Amino acid sequence: MKKVIECGKLKPFFDSTPMELHVKRFAYYLSYMTGGQQEWIGKSLKQAHKGRCIKEYHFDVMAHYLKEALVEA
Protein backbone atom coordinates (compact mmCIF):
# COMPACT_ATOMS: atom_id res chain seq x y z
CA MET A 1 0.00 0.00 0.00
CA LYS A 2 2.97 2.30 0.49
CA LYS A 3 3.49 2.69 -3.26
CA VAL A 4 -0.22 3.28 -3.77
CA ILE A 5 -0.52 6.08 -1.22
CA GLU A 6 2.71 7.67 -2.47
CA CYS A 7 1.51 7.62 -6.09
CA GLY A 8 0.41 11.11 -7.11
CA LYS A 9 -2.34 9.66 -9.28
CA LEU A 10 -3.92 7.66 -6.43
CA LYS A 11 -2.95 9.56 -3.28
CA PRO A 12 -5.95 11.95 -3.37
CA PHE A 13 -8.31 8.98 -3.06
CA PHE A 14 -6.62 7.85 0.15
CA ASP A 15 -6.03 11.18 1.92
CA SER A 16 -9.13 10.83 4.08
CA THR A 17 -9.03 7.04 4.36
CA PRO A 18 -8.06 5.32 7.63
CA MET A 19 -5.32 3.18 6.08
CA GLU A 20 -5.23 0.48 8.76
CA LEU A 21 -8.91 -0.25 8.14
CA HIS A 22 -8.52 -0.02 4.37
CA VAL A 23 -5.61 -2.48 4.35
CA LYS A 24 -7.62 -4.99 6.40
CA ARG A 25 -10.65 -4.68 4.13
CA PHE A 26 -8.50 -4.91 1.01
CA ALA A 27 -6.77 -8.08 2.24
CA TYR A 28 -10.11 -9.60 3.23
CA TYR A 29 -11.60 -8.76 -0.18
CA LEU A 30 -8.61 -10.19 -2.06
CA SER A 31 -8.88 -13.39 -0.05
CA TYR A 32 -12.56 -13.62 -0.93
CA MET A 33 -11.94 -12.92 -4.64
CA THR A 34 -9.19 -15.54 -4.87
CA GLY A 35 -11.22 -18.34 -3.30
CA GLY A 36 -10.35 -17.88 0.35
CA GLN A 37 -12.62 -19.08 3.11
CA GLN A 38 -13.99 -15.65 3.97
CA GLU A 39 -17.41 -14.62 2.77
CA TRP A 40 -17.56 -11.02 1.60
CA ILE A 41 -20.31 -9.14 3.43
CA GLY A 42 -19.21 -5.61 2.57
CA LYS A 43 -20.37 -3.37 -0.24
CA SER A 44 -19.63 -4.25 -3.83
CA LEU A 45 -16.65 -2.45 -5.34
CA LYS A 46 -19.05 -0.38 -7.42
CA GLN A 47 -21.06 0.67 -4.35
CA ALA A 48 -17.98 1.34 -2.22
CA HIS A 49 -16.41 3.63 -4.81
CA LYS A 50 -19.55 5.36 -6.10
CA GLY A 51 -19.21 9.12 -6.38
CA ARG A 52 -15.42 9.10 -5.91
CA CYS A 53 -14.69 10.00 -9.57
CA ILE A 54 -12.50 6.95 -10.04
CA LYS A 55 -11.78 6.40 -13.71
CA GLU A 56 -10.63 3.27 -15.54
CA TYR A 57 -7.15 4.77 -15.60
CA HIS A 58 -7.03 4.85 -11.78
CA PHE A 59 -8.13 1.23 -11.65
CA ASP A 60 -5.33 0.30 -14.07
CA VAL A 61 -2.72 2.06 -11.92
CA MET A 62 -3.99 0.25 -8.81
CA ALA A 63 -3.97 -3.08 -10.67
CA HIS A 64 -0.37 -2.41 -11.71
CA TYR A 65 0.70 -1.96 -8.09
CA LEU A 66 -1.21 -5.06 -7.03
CA LYS A 67 0.42 -7.15 -9.74
CA GLU A 68 3.83 -5.77 -8.80
CA ALA A 69 3.26 -6.70 -5.14
CA LEU A 70 2.15 -10.23 -6.04
CA VAL A 71 5.20 -10.78 -8.23
CA GLU A 72 7.50 -9.53 -5.45
CA ALA A 73 5.85 -11.83 -2.87
C-alpha atoms as a PDB file:
ATOM      1  CA  MET A   1       0.000   0.000   0.000  1.00  0.00           C
ATOM      2  CA  LYS A   2       2.966   2.304   0.495  1.00  0.00           C
ATOM      3  CA  LYS A   3       3.494   2.687  -3.260  1.00  0.00           C
ATOM      4  CA  VAL A   4      -0.223   3.280  -3.766  1.00  0.00           C
ATOM      5  CA  ILE A   5      -0.516   6.081  -1.222  1.00  0.00           C
ATOM      6  CA  GLU A   6       2.711   7.670  -2.473  1.00  0.00           C
ATOM      7  CA  CYS A   7       1.505   7.620  -6.085  1.00  0.00           C
ATOM      8  CA  GLY A   8       0.415  11.107  -7.111  1.00  0.00           C
ATOM      9  CA  LYS A   9      -2.339   9.657  -9.280  1.00  0.00           C
ATOM     10  CA  LEU A  10      -3.917   7.662  -6.434  1.00  0.00           C
ATOM     11  CA  LYS A  11      -2.952   9.559  -3.275  1.00  0.00           C
ATOM     12  CA  PRO A  12      -5.948  11.949  -3.370  1.00  0.00           C
ATOM     13  CA  PHE A  13      -8.310   8.979  -3.064  1.00  0.00           C
ATOM     14  CA  PHE A  14      -6.624   7.849   0.148  1.00  0.00           C
ATOM     15  CA  ASP A  15      -6.030  11.183   1.915  1.00  0.00           C
ATOM     16  CA  SER A  16      -9.131  10.829   4.075  1.00  0.00           C
ATOM     17  CA  THR A  17      -9.031   7.036   4.362  1.00  0.00           C
ATOM     18  CA  PRO A  18      -8.061   5.325   7.627  1.00  0.00           C
ATOM     19  CA  MET A  19      -5.320   3.177   6.078  1.00  0.00           C
ATOM     20  CA  GLU A  20      -5.234   0.477   8.757  1.00  0.00           C
ATOM     21  CA  LEU A  21      -8.912  -0.249   8.143  1.00  0.00           C
ATOM     22  CA  HIS A  22      -8.517  -0.018   4.368  1.00  0.00           C
ATOM     23  CA  VAL A  23      -5.611  -2.478   4.345  1.00  0.00           C
ATOM     24  CA  LYS A  24      -7.623  -4.985   6.403  1.00  0.00           C
ATOM     25  CA  ARG A  25     -10.649  -4.683   4.132  1.00  0.00           C
ATOM     26  CA  PHE A  26      -8.498  -4.915   1.009  1.00  0.00           C
ATOM     27  CA  ALA A  27      -6.769  -8.083   2.240  1.00  0.00           C
ATOM     28  CA  TYR A  28     -10.106  -9.600   3.225  1.00  0.00           C
ATOM     29  CA  TYR A  29     -11.601  -8.765  -0.184  1.00  0.00           C
ATOM     30  CA  LEU A  30      -8.610 -10.186  -2.057  1.00  0.00           C
ATOM     31  CA  SER A  31      -8.881 -13.387  -0.054  1.00  0.00           C
ATOM     32  CA  TYR A  32     -12.559 -13.620  -0.932  1.00  0.00           C
ATOM     33  CA  MET A  33     -11.935 -12.920  -4.636  1.00  0.00           C
ATOM     34  CA  THR A  34      -9.194 -15.544  -4.869  1.00  0.00           C
ATOM     35  CA  GLY A  35     -11.215 -18.342  -3.298  1.00  0.00           C
ATOM     36  CA  GLY A  36     -10.352 -17.880   0.350  1.00  0.00           C
ATOM     37  CA  GLN A  37     -12.621 -19.075   3.111  1.00  0.00           C
ATOM     38  CA  GLN A  38     -13.993 -15.652   3.967  1.00  0.00           C
ATOM     39  CA  GLU A  39     -17.409 -14.623   2.775  1.00  0.00           C
ATOM     40  CA  TRP A  40     -17.557 -11.016   1.597  1.00  0.00           C
ATOM     41  CA  ILE A  41     -20.310  -9.144   3.429  1.00  0.00           C
ATOM     42  CA  GLY A  42     -19.213  -5.614   2.568  1.00  0.00           C
ATOM     43  CA  LYS A  43     -20.366  -3.369  -0.237  1.00  0.00           C
ATOM     44  CA  SER A  44     -19.629  -4.245  -3.831  1.00  0.00           C
ATOM     45  CA  LEU A  45     -16.647  -2.447  -5.337  1.00  0.00           C
ATOM     46  CA  LYS A  46     -19.052  -0.376  -7.418  1.00  0.00           C
ATOM     47  CA  GLN A  47     -21.060   0.666  -4.347  1.00  0.00           C
ATOM     48  CA  ALA A  48     -17.982   1.341  -2.218  1.00  0.00           C
ATOM     49  CA  HIS A  49     -16.412   3.634  -4.814  1.00  0.00           C
ATOM     50  CA  LYS A  50     -19.554   5.360  -6.102  1.00  0.00           C
ATOM     51  CA  GLY A  51     -19.206   9.123  -6.377  1.00  0.00           C
ATOM     52  CA  ARG A  52     -15.422   9.099  -5.914  1.00  0.00           C
ATOM     53  CA  CYS A  53     -14.691  10.002  -9.569  1.00  0.00           C
ATOM     54  CA  ILE A  54     -12.497   6.949 -10.044  1.00  0.00           C
ATOM     55  CA  LYS A  55     -11.779   6.395 -13.715  1.00  0.00           C
ATOM     56  CA  GLU A  56     -10.626   3.268 -15.540  1.00  0.00           C
ATOM     57  CA  TYR A  57      -7.147   4.771 -15.596  1.00  0.00           C
ATOM     58  CA  HIS A  58      -7.033   4.851 -11.778  1.00  0.00           C
ATOM     59  CA  PHE A  59      -8.129   1.232 -11.653  1.00  0.00           C
ATOM     60  CA  ASP A  60      -5.334   0.305 -14.071  1.00  0.00           C
ATOM     61  CA  VAL A  61      -2.719   2.056 -11.916  1.00  0.00           C
ATOM     62  CA  MET A  62      -3.995   0.252  -8.811  1.00  0.00           C
ATOM     63  CA  ALA A  63      -3.972  -3.078 -10.669  1.00  0.00           C
ATOM     64  CA  HIS A  64      -0.372  -2.413 -11.714  1.00  0.00           C
ATOM     65  CA  TYR A  65       0.701  -1.956  -8.090  1.00  0.00           C
ATOM     66  CA  LEU A  66      -1.213  -5.063  -7.027  1.00  0.00           C
ATOM     67  CA  LYS A  67       0.420  -7.155  -9.736  1.00  0.00           C
ATOM     68  CA  GLU A  68       3.827  -5.775  -8.797  1.00  0.00           C
ATOM     69  CA  ALA A  69       3.260  -6.695  -5.140  1.00  0.00           C
ATOM     70  CA  LEU A  70       2.148 -10.226  -6.039  1.00  0.00           C
ATOM     71  CA  VAL A  71       5.203 -10.781  -8.227  1.00  0.00           C
ATOM     72  CA  GLU A  72       7.500  -9.528  -5.450  1.00  0.00           C
ATOM     73  CA  ALA A  73       5.852 -11.829  -2.869  1.00  0.00           C
END
